[in-house]
Amino acid sequence: MTFQRARSEEQREARRRAILDTAAAMLDEMPVAELSLNELSRRVGLAKSNVLRYFESREAVLLELLDRYLETWLVELADELAAGVDPRAGVEERSAQLAGVLSRSLAPRVRMCELFGAQGSVLERNVSLEVVVRYKRASLQRLTTMTELASLYVPELGGSAQLFCLNTMVVAGALSAYASPLPAIVAAYEAEPELAVIDLDVREGLRLAITMALLGAVPR
């Protein structure tokens, strides 16, 4: 991929989208920690200094990519909840259905969850105040959308809905580390099957954690 110099706002926006699209494609191949600015620049067909004209750092690219992932996911989640939660059911059944939909929806989105889990420890450490504020504003909008969706199906959450949603994403971020065990770990489980009892299934772990959080937050 090669580019001519971007002269218009439309061309600059197209360049930004190309950088984000390339970063997303790279994350289909590698974990977040292995994505480097040098390799991103090479794949997008720009000098590293030119990439830095659009994003001030690798972390700034990943924060914006995370927001893009969250925006897309929440649109899809609305449809998944409409199909998977019966609003006529009792609160415990609706809670179980909500937990099931959330776990099924989040578990395959490994890179989104990995990025979310890396926010505080990695992504927010090499960016300016301007970038952090812009991302946090967007993140709050996503959290508000998720809270509204959860409250629609389990209104009994009341004022706990926002914290429940935030905690759900924190748990998803933490569990994403177990989604792709290293070859040595897989080999250990194969060599000693009794060790596999601690092999965590991300989807089931999410379902249990979300269910327990919901049942603890809603009135019995």
N, C-alpha and C. Protein backbone atom coordinates (compact mmCIF):
# COMPACT_ATOMS: atom_id res chain seq x y z
N MET A 1 0.85 -1.19 0.00
CA MET A 1 0.00 0.00 0.00
C MET A 1 0.89 1.24 0.00
N THR A 2 0.65 2.17 -0.95
CA THR A 2 1.40 3.43 -0.99
C THR A 2 0.42 4.58 -1.06
N PHE A 3 0.86 5.72 -0.56
CA PHE A 3 -0.01 6.89 -0.51
C PHE A 3 0.68 8.10 -1.13
N GLN A 4 -0.11 8.93 -1.74
CA GLN A 4 0.33 10.27 -2.08
C GLN A 4 0.12 11.16 -0.86
N ARG A 5 0.74 12.29 -0.88
CA ARG A 5 0.60 13.20 0.26
C ARG A 5 -0.87 13.60 0.44
N ALA A 6 -1.35 13.51 1.68
CA ALA A 6 -2.73 13.87 1.97
C ALA A 6 -2.86 15.38 2.05
N ARG A 7 -3.71 15.94 1.21
CA ARG A 7 -3.84 17.40 1.17
C ARG A 7 -5.19 17.88 1.69
N SER A 8 -6.24 17.09 1.55
CA SER A 8 -7.55 17.51 2.01
C SER A 8 -7.90 16.80 3.31
N GLU A 9 -8.95 17.30 3.97
CA GLU A 9 -9.39 16.66 5.20
C GLU A 9 -9.89 15.25 4.91
N GLU A 10 -10.53 15.04 3.76
CA GLU A 10 -11.00 13.72 3.39
C GLU A 10 -9.83 12.76 3.20
N GLN A 11 -8.76 13.24 2.59
CA GLN A 11 -7.58 12.39 2.39
C GLN A 11 -6.91 12.06 3.72
N ARG A 12 -6.87 13.03 4.62
CA ARG A 12 -6.27 12.78 5.94
C ARG A 12 -7.10 11.76 6.73
N GLU A 13 -8.41 11.88 6.62
CA GLU A 13 -9.27 10.92 7.32
C GLU A 13 -9.13 9.53 6.71
N ALA A 14 -8.99 9.47 5.40
CA ALA A 14 -8.76 8.17 4.75
C ALA A 14 -7.45 7.56 5.22
N ARG A 15 -6.44 8.39 5.41
CA ARG A 15 -5.15 7.90 5.91
C ARG A 15 -5.29 7.36 7.33
N ARG A 16 -6.04 8.04 8.16
CA ARG A 16 -6.25 7.58 9.53
C ARG A 16 -6.99 6.23 9.53
N ARG A 17 -8.00 6.12 8.68
CA ARG A 17 -8.75 4.86 8.60
C ARG A 17 -7.84 3.72 8.13
N ALA A 18 -6.97 4.02 7.18
CA ALA A 18 -6.06 2.99 6.68
C ALA A 18 -5.12 2.51 7.77
N ILE A 19 -4.64 3.43 8.59
CA ILE A 19 -3.75 3.05 9.70
C ILE A 19 -4.51 2.17 10.69
N LEU A 20 -5.74 2.55 11.04
CA LEU A 20 -6.54 1.76 11.97
C LEU A 20 -6.89 0.39 11.38
N ASP A 21 -7.24 0.36 10.10
CA ASP A 21 -7.58 -0.92 9.45
C ASP A 21 -6.36 -1.85 9.45
N THR A 22 -5.19 -1.29 9.19
CA THR A 22 -3.98 -2.10 9.18
C THR A 22 -3.66 -2.63 10.57
N ALA A 23 -3.83 -1.78 11.58
CA ALA A 23 -3.59 -2.22 12.96
C ALA A 23 -4.56 -3.34 13.33
N ALA A 24 -5.82 -3.21 12.92
CA ALA A 24 -6.81 -4.26 13.21
C ALA A 24 -6.42 -5.56 12.53
N ALA A 25 -5.95 -5.49 11.29
CA ALA A 25 -5.53 -6.69 10.58
C ALA A 25 -4.33 -7.34 11.27
N MET A 26 -3.42 -6.53 11.78
CA MET A 26 -2.27 -7.07 12.50
C MET A 26 -2.69 -7.79 13.77
N LEU A 27 -3.71 -7.27 14.45
CA LEU A 27 -4.18 -7.91 15.67
C LEU A 27 -4.89 -9.22 15.41
N ASP A 28 -5.26 -9.47 14.16
CA ASP A 28 -5.79 -10.78 13.80
C ASP A 28 -4.67 -11.82 13.76
N GLU A 29 -3.41 -11.34 13.70
CA GLU A 29 -2.26 -12.22 13.56
C GLU A 29 -1.42 -12.32 14.83
N MET A 30 -1.51 -11.32 15.69
CA MET A 30 -0.59 -11.24 16.81
C MET A 30 -1.26 -10.61 18.01
N PRO A 31 -0.75 -10.87 19.23
CA PRO A 31 -1.29 -10.21 20.42
C PRO A 31 -0.92 -8.73 20.44
N VAL A 32 -1.59 -7.99 21.27
CA VAL A 32 -1.38 -6.54 21.36
C VAL A 32 0.08 -6.20 21.63
N ALA A 33 0.72 -6.95 22.52
CA ALA A 33 2.10 -6.64 22.92
C ALA A 33 3.08 -6.71 21.76
N GLU A 34 2.76 -7.47 20.71
CA GLU A 34 3.69 -7.64 19.60
C GLU A 34 3.49 -6.63 18.48
N LEU A 35 2.44 -5.83 18.56
CA LEU A 35 2.20 -4.85 17.50
C LEU A 35 3.12 -3.66 17.71
N SER A 36 4.02 -3.43 16.77
CA SER A 36 4.98 -2.33 16.88
C SER A 36 4.66 -1.24 15.88
N LEU A 37 5.09 -0.04 16.20
CA LEU A 37 4.86 1.09 15.30
C LEU A 37 5.68 0.93 14.02
N ASN A 38 6.86 0.35 14.13
CA ASN A 38 7.69 0.14 12.94
C ASN A 38 7.01 -0.79 11.96
N GLU A 39 6.46 -1.91 12.46
CA GLU A 39 5.80 -2.86 11.57
C GLU A 39 4.49 -2.29 11.04
N LEU A 40 3.77 -1.56 11.87
CA LEU A 40 2.55 -0.91 11.40
C LEU A 40 2.87 0.06 10.27
N SER A 41 3.91 0.85 10.42
CA SER A 41 4.30 1.81 9.37
C SER A 41 4.66 1.09 8.08
N ARG A 42 5.40 -0.01 8.21
CA ARG A 42 5.80 -0.76 7.02
C ARG A 42 4.58 -1.30 6.28
N ARG A 43 3.64 -1.86 7.03
CA ARG A 43 2.48 -2.48 6.40
C ARG A 43 1.52 -1.46 5.79
N VAL A 44 1.44 -0.29 6.40
CA VAL A 44 0.51 0.71 5.88
C VAL A 44 1.14 1.49 4.73
N GLY A 45 2.46 1.34 4.55
CA GLY A 45 3.14 1.99 3.44
C GLY A 45 3.51 3.42 3.69
N LEU A 46 3.77 3.77 4.95
CA LEU A 46 4.15 5.12 5.33
C LEU A 46 5.42 5.08 6.18
N ALA A 47 6.18 6.15 6.11
CA ALA A 47 7.29 6.28 7.05
C ALA A 47 6.74 6.42 8.46
N LYS A 48 7.51 5.95 9.42
CA LYS A 48 7.07 6.05 10.82
C LYS A 48 6.74 7.49 11.19
N SER A 49 7.54 8.43 10.70
CA SER A 49 7.29 9.84 11.01
C SER A 49 5.96 10.31 10.45
N ASN A 50 5.54 9.74 9.32
CA ASN A 50 4.25 10.11 8.75
C ASN A 50 3.09 9.51 9.53
N VAL A 51 3.25 8.28 10.02
CA VAL A 51 2.21 7.70 10.87
C VAL A 51 2.02 8.57 12.11
N LEU A 52 3.12 9.09 12.63
CA LEU A 52 3.05 9.92 13.83
C LEU A 52 2.41 11.28 13.57
N ARG A 53 2.19 11.63 12.32
CA ARG A 53 1.43 12.84 12.00
C ARG A 53 -0.05 12.65 12.32
N TYR A 54 -0.50 11.40 12.29
CA TYR A 54 -1.91 11.10 12.48
C TYR A 54 -2.21 10.55 13.87
N PHE A 55 -1.26 9.83 14.44
CA PHE A 55 -1.39 9.28 15.79
C PHE A 55 -0.08 9.51 16.51
N GLU A 56 -0.14 10.05 17.70
CA GLU A 56 1.09 10.45 18.37
C GLU A 56 1.93 9.29 18.87
N SER A 57 1.35 8.08 18.92
CA SER A 57 2.09 6.92 19.41
C SER A 57 1.34 5.64 19.03
N ARG A 58 2.01 4.52 19.20
CA ARG A 58 1.36 3.23 19.02
C ARG A 58 0.14 3.11 19.92
N GLU A 59 0.28 3.57 21.15
CA GLU A 59 -0.80 3.47 22.11
C GLU A 59 -2.01 4.30 21.69
N ALA A 60 -1.78 5.45 21.07
CA ALA A 60 -2.88 6.28 20.59
C ALA A 60 -3.65 5.56 19.49
N VAL A 61 -2.93 4.85 18.62
CA VAL A 61 -3.59 4.04 17.59
C VAL A 61 -4.49 2.99 18.24
N LEU A 62 -3.95 2.30 19.24
CA LEU A 62 -4.68 1.20 19.86
C LEU A 62 -5.87 1.69 20.66
N LEU A 63 -5.77 2.85 21.30
CA LEU A 63 -6.92 3.40 22.02
C LEU A 63 -8.06 3.71 21.06
N GLU A 64 -7.72 4.32 19.92
CA GLU A 64 -8.78 4.63 18.96
C GLU A 64 -9.36 3.36 18.35
N LEU A 65 -8.50 2.37 18.14
CA LEU A 65 -8.99 1.10 17.62
C LEU A 65 -9.92 0.43 18.62
N LEU A 66 -9.58 0.50 19.90
CA LEU A 66 -10.45 -0.06 20.94
C LEU A 66 -11.82 0.61 20.92
N ASP A 67 -11.84 1.92 20.78
CA ASP A 67 -13.13 2.61 20.73
C ASP A 67 -13.94 2.17 19.52
N ARG A 68 -13.27 1.96 18.40
CA ARG A 68 -13.96 1.47 17.20
C ARG A 68 -14.55 0.08 17.46
N TYR A 69 -13.77 -0.80 18.09
CA TYR A 69 -14.26 -2.14 18.42
C TYR A 69 -15.49 -2.06 19.32
N LEU A 70 -15.41 -1.22 20.35
CA LEU A 70 -16.52 -1.11 21.31
C LEU A 70 -17.78 -0.59 20.63
N GLU A 71 -17.63 0.39 19.77
CA GLU A 71 -18.78 0.96 19.07
C GLU A 71 -19.48 -0.11 18.22
N THR A 72 -18.69 -0.87 17.47
CA THR A 72 -19.26 -1.92 16.62
C THR A 72 -19.91 -3.01 17.46
N TRP A 73 -19.23 -3.40 18.54
CA TRP A 73 -19.75 -4.46 19.39
C TRP A 73 -21.09 -4.08 20.01
N LEU A 74 -21.22 -2.85 20.47
CA LEU A 74 -22.46 -2.45 21.13
C LEU A 74 -23.64 -2.44 20.17
N VAL A 75 -23.41 -2.12 18.92
CA VAL A 75 -24.49 -2.21 17.92
C VAL A 75 -24.94 -3.65 17.78
N GLU A 76 -23.98 -4.57 17.70
CA GLU A 76 -24.31 -5.98 17.56
C GLU A 76 -24.93 -6.53 18.85
N LEU A 77 -24.45 -6.05 19.99
CA LEU A 77 -24.97 -6.52 21.27
C LEU A 77 -26.46 -6.20 21.41
N ALA A 78 -26.88 -5.04 20.93
CA ALA A 78 -28.29 -4.67 21.03
C ALA A 78 -29.17 -5.72 20.35
N ASP A 79 -28.75 -6.18 19.18
CA ASP A 79 -29.52 -7.22 18.47
C ASP A 79 -29.45 -8.55 19.20
N GLU A 80 -28.29 -8.89 19.74
CA GLU A 80 -28.12 -10.16 20.45
C GLU A 80 -28.97 -10.20 21.71
N LEU A 81 -29.06 -9.09 22.41
CA LEU A 81 -29.89 -9.05 23.62
C LEU A 81 -31.37 -9.14 23.26
N ALA A 82 -31.77 -8.47 22.19
CA ALA A 82 -33.17 -8.54 21.78
C ALA A 82 -33.58 -9.97 21.45
N ALA A 83 -32.64 -10.73 20.90
CA ALA A 83 -32.96 -12.11 20.53
C ALA A 83 -32.78 -13.09 21.69
N GLY A 84 -31.97 -12.71 22.68
CA GLY A 84 -31.58 -13.68 23.70
C GLY A 84 -32.14 -13.47 25.08
N VAL A 85 -32.86 -12.38 25.33
CA VAL A 85 -33.41 -12.11 26.66
C VAL A 85 -34.92 -11.93 26.54
N ASP A 86 -35.65 -12.69 27.33
CA ASP A 86 -37.11 -12.61 27.33
C ASP A 86 -37.55 -11.59 28.39
N PRO A 87 -38.05 -10.43 27.97
CA PRO A 87 -38.43 -9.39 28.94
C PRO A 87 -39.58 -9.79 29.85
N ARG A 88 -40.30 -10.88 29.51
CA ARG A 88 -41.43 -11.33 30.33
C ARG A 88 -40.99 -12.28 31.44
N ALA A 89 -39.75 -12.74 31.40
CA ALA A 89 -39.28 -13.71 32.39
C ALA A 89 -39.02 -13.03 33.73
N GLY A 90 -38.87 -13.85 34.76
CA GLY A 90 -38.54 -13.33 36.08
C GLY A 90 -37.14 -12.78 36.12
N VAL A 91 -36.81 -12.06 37.18
CA VAL A 91 -35.53 -11.37 37.24
C VAL A 91 -34.35 -12.32 37.21
N GLU A 92 -34.44 -13.45 37.88
CA GLU A 92 -33.31 -14.37 37.90
C GLU A 92 -33.10 -15.00 36.52
N GLU A 93 -34.20 -15.33 35.83
CA GLU A 93 -34.06 -15.89 34.49
C GLU A 93 -33.51 -14.86 33.52
N ARG A 94 -34.01 -13.64 33.62
CA ARG A 94 -33.48 -12.58 32.74
C ARG A 94 -32.01 -12.32 33.03
N SER A 95 -31.63 -12.37 34.29
CA SER A 95 -30.23 -12.17 34.65
C SER A 95 -29.36 -13.25 34.04
N ALA A 96 -29.84 -14.50 34.12
CA ALA A 96 -29.08 -15.61 33.53
C ALA A 96 -28.99 -15.46 32.01
N GLN A 97 -30.08 -15.01 31.38
CA GLN A 97 -30.06 -14.81 29.94
C GLN A 97 -29.11 -13.69 29.55
N LEU A 98 -29.13 -12.59 30.32
CA LEU A 98 -28.23 -11.47 30.06
C LEU A 98 -26.78 -11.92 30.18
N ALA A 99 -26.48 -12.68 31.23
CA ALA A 99 -25.12 -13.18 31.42
C ALA A 99 -24.71 -14.08 30.27
N GLY A 100 -25.63 -14.91 29.80
CA GLY A 100 -25.32 -15.80 28.69
C GLY A 100 -25.03 -15.04 27.41
N VAL A 101 -25.84 -14.03 27.12
CA VAL A 101 -25.62 -13.24 25.90
C VAL A 101 -24.29 -12.50 25.99
N LEU A 102 -24.02 -11.86 27.12
CA LEU A 102 -22.78 -11.11 27.27
C LEU A 102 -21.56 -12.01 27.12
N SER A 103 -21.59 -13.17 27.76
CA SER A 103 -20.43 -14.07 27.68
C SER A 103 -20.23 -14.61 26.27
N ARG A 104 -21.33 -14.97 25.59
CA ARG A 104 -21.21 -15.45 24.21
C ARG A 104 -20.71 -14.35 23.28
N SER A 105 -21.12 -13.13 23.55
CA SER A 105 -20.76 -12.01 22.69
C SER A 105 -19.32 -11.56 22.90
N LEU A 106 -18.87 -11.57 24.16
CA LEU A 106 -17.54 -11.07 24.47
C LEU A 106 -16.44 -12.10 24.21
N ALA A 107 -16.70 -13.37 24.48
CA ALA A 107 -15.64 -14.38 24.42
C ALA A 107 -14.89 -14.42 23.09
N PRO A 108 -15.58 -14.34 21.93
CA PRO A 108 -14.83 -14.39 20.67
C PRO A 108 -14.09 -13.10 20.34
N ARG A 109 -14.43 -12.00 21.01
CA ARG A 109 -13.82 -10.71 20.72
C ARG A 109 -12.55 -10.55 21.58
N VAL A 110 -11.60 -11.45 21.32
CA VAL A 110 -10.42 -11.54 22.17
C VAL A 110 -9.60 -10.26 22.13
N ARG A 111 -9.37 -9.72 20.95
CA ARG A 111 -8.50 -8.54 20.85
C ARG A 111 -9.17 -7.32 21.48
N MET A 112 -10.47 -7.16 21.30
CA MET A 112 -11.16 -6.04 21.96
C MET A 112 -11.00 -6.15 23.47
N CYS A 113 -11.22 -7.34 24.00
CA CYS A 113 -11.10 -7.52 25.45
C CYS A 113 -9.66 -7.34 25.91
N GLU A 114 -8.71 -7.81 25.10
CA GLU A 114 -7.30 -7.66 25.44
C GLU A 114 -6.92 -6.18 25.49
N LEU A 115 -7.39 -5.42 24.52
CA LEU A 115 -7.13 -3.98 24.51
C LEU A 115 -7.76 -3.31 25.73
N PHE A 116 -8.98 -3.70 26.06
CA PHE A 116 -9.63 -3.10 27.23
C PHE A 116 -8.83 -3.41 28.48
N GLY A 117 -8.36 -4.66 28.59
CA GLY A 117 -7.59 -5.03 29.76
C GLY A 117 -6.24 -4.33 29.85
N ALA A 118 -5.73 -3.87 28.71
CA ALA A 118 -4.41 -3.22 28.68
C ALA A 118 -4.49 -1.71 28.84
N GLN A 119 -5.68 -1.16 28.99
CA GLN A 119 -5.81 0.29 29.06
C GLN A 119 -4.90 0.92 30.11
N GLY A 120 -5.16 0.58 31.36
CA GLY A 120 -4.45 1.25 32.45
C GLY A 120 -2.98 0.94 32.52
N SER A 121 -2.60 -0.28 32.19
CA SER A 121 -1.21 -0.69 32.35
C SER A 121 -0.33 -0.37 31.15
N VAL A 122 -0.93 -0.24 29.96
CA VAL A 122 -0.13 -0.05 28.74
C VAL A 122 -0.61 1.14 27.91
N LEU A 123 -1.87 1.11 27.49
CA LEU A 123 -2.32 2.04 26.45
C LEU A 123 -2.38 3.49 26.89
N GLU A 124 -2.56 3.73 28.17
CA GLU A 124 -2.69 5.11 28.63
C GLU A 124 -1.38 5.69 29.15
N ARG A 125 -0.25 5.03 28.87
CA ARG A 125 1.03 5.44 29.44
C ARG A 125 1.94 6.16 28.46
N ASN A 126 1.58 6.25 27.22
CA ASN A 126 2.44 6.93 26.24
C ASN A 126 1.60 7.82 25.34
N VAL A 127 0.66 8.52 25.97
CA VAL A 127 -0.24 9.40 25.23
C VAL A 127 -0.40 10.72 25.98
N SER A 128 -0.77 11.74 25.24
CA SER A 128 -0.92 13.07 25.83
C SER A 128 -2.25 13.20 26.57
N LEU A 129 -2.36 14.26 27.35
CA LEU A 129 -3.61 14.54 28.04
C LEU A 129 -4.75 14.68 27.05
N GLU A 130 -4.51 15.31 25.92
CA GLU A 130 -5.56 15.49 24.92
C GLU A 130 -6.11 14.16 24.43
N VAL A 131 -5.22 13.22 24.16
CA VAL A 131 -5.65 11.91 23.67
C VAL A 131 -6.41 11.16 24.76
N VAL A 132 -5.92 11.22 25.99
CA VAL A 132 -6.59 10.53 27.09
C VAL A 132 -8.00 11.08 27.30
N VAL A 133 -8.12 12.41 27.31
CA VAL A 133 -9.43 13.02 27.53
C VAL A 133 -10.39 12.64 26.41
N ARG A 134 -9.90 12.68 25.16
CA ARG A 134 -10.77 12.32 24.04
C ARG A 134 -11.21 10.87 24.14
N TYR A 135 -10.28 9.98 24.48
CA TYR A 135 -10.64 8.57 24.60
C TYR A 135 -11.60 8.36 25.77
N LYS A 136 -11.35 8.99 26.92
CA LYS A 136 -12.21 8.79 28.08
C LYS A 136 -13.63 9.29 27.82
N ARG A 137 -13.76 10.37 27.07
CA ARG A 137 -15.09 10.85 26.72
C ARG A 137 -15.82 9.83 25.86
N ALA A 138 -15.11 9.30 24.87
CA ALA A 138 -15.71 8.28 24.01
C ALA A 138 -16.03 7.02 24.81
N SER A 139 -15.13 6.65 25.72
CA SER A 139 -15.34 5.46 26.54
C SER A 139 -16.56 5.61 27.43
N LEU A 140 -16.76 6.81 27.96
CA LEU A 140 -17.94 7.05 28.80
C LEU A 140 -19.22 6.92 27.98
N GLN A 141 -19.19 7.36 26.73
CA GLN A 141 -20.36 7.20 25.86
C GLN A 141 -20.66 5.72 25.63
N ARG A 142 -19.61 4.92 25.41
CA ARG A 142 -19.82 3.48 25.21
C ARG A 142 -20.38 2.84 26.49
N LEU A 143 -19.83 3.23 27.63
CA LEU A 143 -20.32 2.68 28.89
C LEU A 143 -21.78 3.05 29.12
N THR A 144 -22.15 4.28 28.77
CA THR A 144 -23.53 4.72 28.91
C THR A 144 -24.45 3.88 28.03
N THR A 145 -24.02 3.61 26.80
CA THR A 145 -24.82 2.77 25.90
C THR A 145 -24.99 1.37 26.46
N MET A 146 -23.91 0.79 26.96
CA MET A 146 -23.98 -0.55 27.53
C MET A 146 -24.88 -0.58 28.76
N THR A 147 -24.78 0.46 29.58
CA THR A 147 -25.61 0.56 30.78
C THR A 147 -27.09 0.63 30.41
N GLU A 148 -27.41 1.40 29.39
CA GLU A 148 -28.80 1.51 28.95
C GLU A 148 -29.32 0.17 28.45
N LEU A 149 -28.47 -0.58 27.75
CA LEU A 149 -28.89 -1.90 27.26
C LEU A 149 -29.14 -2.86 28.42
N ALA A 150 -28.21 -2.91 29.37
CA ALA A 150 -28.38 -3.80 30.52
C ALA A 150 -29.62 -3.42 31.32
N SER A 151 -29.84 -2.13 31.51
CA SER A 151 -31.00 -1.66 32.28
C SER A 151 -32.31 -1.94 31.58
N LEU A 152 -32.28 -1.99 30.26
CA LEU A 152 -33.49 -2.28 29.50
C LEU A 152 -34.01 -3.68 29.82
N TYR A 153 -33.08 -4.62 29.99
CA TYR A 153 -33.49 -6.01 30.19
C TYR A 153 -33.50 -6.43 31.66
N VAL A 154 -32.69 -5.77 32.48
CA VAL A 154 -32.71 -6.05 33.92
C VAL A 154 -32.79 -4.70 34.64
N PRO A 155 -33.96 -4.05 34.58
CA PRO A 155 -34.09 -2.73 35.23
C PRO A 155 -33.89 -2.79 36.74
N GLU A 156 -34.01 -3.99 37.30
CA GLU A 156 -33.81 -4.15 38.74
C GLU A 156 -32.39 -3.78 39.17
N LEU A 157 -31.46 -3.70 38.22
CA LEU A 157 -30.09 -3.28 38.56
C LEU A 157 -30.06 -1.88 39.14
N GLY A 158 -30.99 -1.03 38.70
CA GLY A 158 -31.07 0.33 39.22
C GLY A 158 -29.75 1.07 39.09
N GLY A 159 -29.33 1.71 40.19
CA GLY A 159 -28.11 2.51 40.17
C GLY A 159 -26.84 1.69 40.08
N SER A 160 -26.95 0.36 40.17
CA SER A 160 -25.77 -0.51 40.08
C SER A 160 -25.44 -0.88 38.63
N ALA A 161 -26.27 -0.48 37.68
CA ALA A 161 -26.12 -0.94 36.30
C ALA A 161 -24.79 -0.50 35.69
N GLN A 162 -24.42 0.75 35.91
CA GLN A 162 -23.18 1.24 35.30
C GLN A 162 -21.96 0.51 35.85
N LEU A 163 -21.92 0.33 37.17
CA LEU A 163 -20.79 -0.38 37.77
C LEU A 163 -20.77 -1.83 37.32
N PHE A 164 -21.94 -2.45 37.19
CA PHE A 164 -21.99 -3.82 36.69
C PHE A 164 -21.38 -3.91 35.30
N CYS A 165 -21.74 -2.97 34.42
CA CYS A 165 -21.22 -2.98 33.05
C CYS A 165 -19.71 -2.77 33.03
N LEU A 166 -19.24 -1.83 33.82
CA LEU A 166 -17.80 -1.57 33.87
C LEU A 166 -17.06 -2.80 34.38
N ASN A 167 -17.58 -3.41 35.45
CA ASN A 167 -16.95 -4.61 35.99
C ASN A 167 -16.95 -5.76 34.98
N THR A 168 -18.02 -5.86 34.19
CA THR A 168 -18.08 -6.90 33.17
C THR A 168 -16.93 -6.75 32.18
N MET A 169 -16.67 -5.51 31.76
CA MET A 169 -15.58 -5.28 30.82
C MET A 169 -14.21 -5.51 31.45
N VAL A 170 -14.07 -5.15 32.72
CA VAL A 170 -12.80 -5.40 33.42
C VAL A 170 -12.53 -6.90 33.50
N VAL A 171 -13.56 -7.68 33.84
CA VAL A 171 -13.41 -9.14 33.91
C VAL A 171 -13.09 -9.70 32.53
N ALA A 172 -13.77 -9.21 31.50
CA ALA A 172 -13.51 -9.68 30.14
C ALA A 172 -12.07 -9.37 29.74
N GLY A 173 -11.59 -8.20 30.12
CA GLY A 173 -10.21 -7.85 29.82
C GLY A 173 -9.23 -8.76 30.51
N ALA A 174 -9.50 -9.07 31.77
CA ALA A 174 -8.60 -9.95 32.53
C ALA A 174 -8.61 -11.37 31.98
N LEU A 175 -9.79 -11.88 31.65
CA LEU A 175 -9.91 -13.26 31.17
C LEU A 175 -9.36 -13.45 29.76
N SER A 176 -9.25 -12.36 29.00
CA SER A 176 -8.75 -12.48 27.63
C SER A 176 -7.33 -13.06 27.59
N ALA A 177 -6.59 -12.89 28.68
CA ALA A 177 -5.22 -13.42 28.74
C ALA A 177 -5.20 -14.94 28.66
N TYR A 178 -6.32 -15.58 28.98
CA TYR A 178 -6.40 -17.04 28.96
C TYR A 178 -6.97 -17.59 27.66
N ALA A 179 -7.32 -16.71 26.74
CA ALA A 179 -8.01 -17.15 25.52
C ALA A 179 -7.09 -17.94 24.59
N SER A 180 -5.81 -17.59 24.56
CA SER A 180 -4.87 -18.26 23.65
C SER A 180 -3.65 -18.70 24.44
N PRO A 181 -3.74 -19.84 25.12
CA PRO A 181 -2.60 -20.30 25.92
C PRO A 181 -1.36 -20.55 25.07
N LEU A 182 -0.21 -20.27 25.62
CA LEU A 182 1.05 -20.48 24.92
C LEU A 182 1.27 -21.97 24.67
N PRO A 183 2.05 -22.31 23.63
CA PRO A 183 2.29 -23.73 23.32
C PRO A 183 2.82 -24.53 24.49
N ALA A 184 3.67 -23.93 25.32
CA ALA A 184 4.21 -24.64 26.47
C ALA A 184 3.12 -25.01 27.46
N ILE A 185 2.11 -24.13 27.62
CA ILE A 185 1.00 -24.41 28.53
C ILE A 185 0.14 -25.54 27.98
N VAL A 186 -0.14 -25.48 26.68
CA VAL A 186 -0.92 -26.55 26.04
C VAL A 186 -0.20 -27.88 26.19
N ALA A 187 1.12 -27.86 25.97
CA ALA A 187 1.91 -29.09 26.09
C ALA A 187 1.88 -29.63 27.51
N ALA A 188 1.90 -28.74 28.49
CA ALA A 188 1.86 -29.17 29.89
C ALA A 188 0.54 -29.87 30.21
N TYR A 189 -0.57 -29.31 29.71
CA TYR A 189 -1.87 -29.93 29.94
C TYR A 189 -1.96 -31.29 29.26
N GLU A 190 -1.34 -31.41 28.08
CA GLU A 190 -1.37 -32.68 27.36
C GLU A 190 -0.50 -33.72 28.06
N ALA A 191 0.63 -33.26 28.60
CA ALA A 191 1.54 -34.19 29.27
C ALA A 191 0.99 -34.66 30.60
N GLU A 192 0.30 -33.76 31.31
CA GLU A 192 -0.27 -34.10 32.62
C GLU A 192 -1.72 -33.64 32.64
N PRO A 193 -2.64 -34.46 32.17
CA PRO A 193 -4.05 -34.06 32.04
C PRO A 193 -4.68 -33.56 33.32
N GLU A 194 -4.18 -34.00 34.47
CA GLU A 194 -4.77 -33.53 35.72
C GLU A 194 -4.55 -32.03 35.92
N LEU A 195 -3.57 -31.46 35.26
CA LEU A 195 -3.34 -30.02 35.36
C LEU A 195 -4.41 -29.22 34.63
N ALA A 196 -5.10 -29.85 33.69
CA ALA A 196 -6.09 -29.14 32.86
C ALA A 196 -7.27 -28.64 33.66
N VAL A 197 -7.39 -29.07 34.92
CA VAL A 197 -8.48 -28.56 35.76
C VAL A 197 -8.37 -27.06 35.95
N ILE A 198 -7.16 -26.51 35.80
CA ILE A 198 -6.99 -25.06 35.95
C ILE A 198 -6.94 -24.36 34.59
N ASP A 199 -7.26 -25.10 33.52
CA ASP A 199 -7.34 -24.50 32.19
C ASP A 199 -8.68 -23.78 32.08
N LEU A 200 -8.64 -22.46 32.02
CA LEU A 200 -9.85 -21.65 32.11
C LEU A 200 -10.51 -21.48 30.75
N ASP A 201 -11.79 -21.85 30.67
CA ASP A 201 -12.58 -21.58 29.48
C ASP A 201 -13.13 -20.16 29.60
N VAL A 202 -12.74 -19.28 28.68
CA VAL A 202 -13.06 -17.86 28.81
C VAL A 202 -14.56 -17.62 28.81
N ARG A 203 -15.26 -18.26 27.89
CA ARG A 203 -16.71 -18.03 27.80
C ARG A 203 -17.42 -18.47 29.08
N GLU A 204 -17.07 -19.65 29.58
CA GLU A 204 -17.72 -20.13 30.79
C GLU A 204 -17.31 -19.29 32.00
N GLY A 205 -16.04 -18.88 32.04
CA GLY A 205 -15.60 -18.02 33.13
C GLY A 205 -16.34 -16.69 33.14
N LEU A 206 -16.54 -16.14 31.95
CA LEU A 206 -17.30 -14.89 31.84
C LEU A 206 -18.74 -15.09 32.30
N ARG A 207 -19.35 -16.19 31.84
CA ARG A 207 -20.75 -16.42 32.20
C ARG A 207 -20.93 -16.52 33.71
N LEU A 208 -20.05 -17.26 34.34
CA LEU A 208 -20.16 -17.42 35.80
C LEU A 208 -19.92 -16.10 36.52
N ALA A 209 -18.89 -15.35 36.10
CA ALA A 209 -18.58 -14.09 36.76
C ALA A 209 -19.71 -13.08 36.59
N ILE A 210 -20.27 -13.01 35.37
CA ILE A 210 -21.34 -12.05 35.12
C ILE A 210 -22.60 -12.45 35.87
N THR A 211 -22.90 -13.74 35.88
CA THR A 211 -24.08 -14.22 36.60
C THR A 211 -23.99 -13.89 38.08
N MET A 212 -22.84 -14.16 38.68
CA MET A 212 -22.68 -13.88 40.11
C MET A 212 -22.79 -12.38 40.40
N ALA A 213 -22.22 -11.57 39.50
CA ALA A 213 -22.32 -10.12 39.68
C ALA A 213 -23.76 -9.64 39.59
N LEU A 214 -24.50 -10.18 38.63
CA LEU A 214 -25.90 -9.79 38.46
C LEU A 214 -26.75 -10.20 39.66
N LEU A 215 -26.61 -11.46 40.07
CA LEU A 215 -27.43 -11.94 41.16
C LEU A 215 -27.08 -11.25 42.47
N GLY A 216 -25.86 -10.76 42.58
CA GLY A 216 -25.50 -10.01 43.78
C GLY A 216 -26.00 -8.58 43.75
N ALA A 217 -26.31 -8.07 42.54
CA ALA A 217 -26.71 -6.66 42.42
C ALA A 217 -28.21 -6.46 42.41
N VAL A 218 -28.95 -7.47 41.93
CA VAL A 218 -30.41 -7.27 41.82
C VAL A 218 -31.10 -7.81 43.07
N PRO A 219 -32.25 -7.27 43.40
CA PRO A 219 -32.99 -7.77 44.57
C PRO A 219 -33.52 -9.16 44.32
N ARG A 220 -33.53 -9.99 45.35
CA ARG A 220 -34.06 -11.35 45.26
C ARG A 220 -35.58 -11.33 45.39
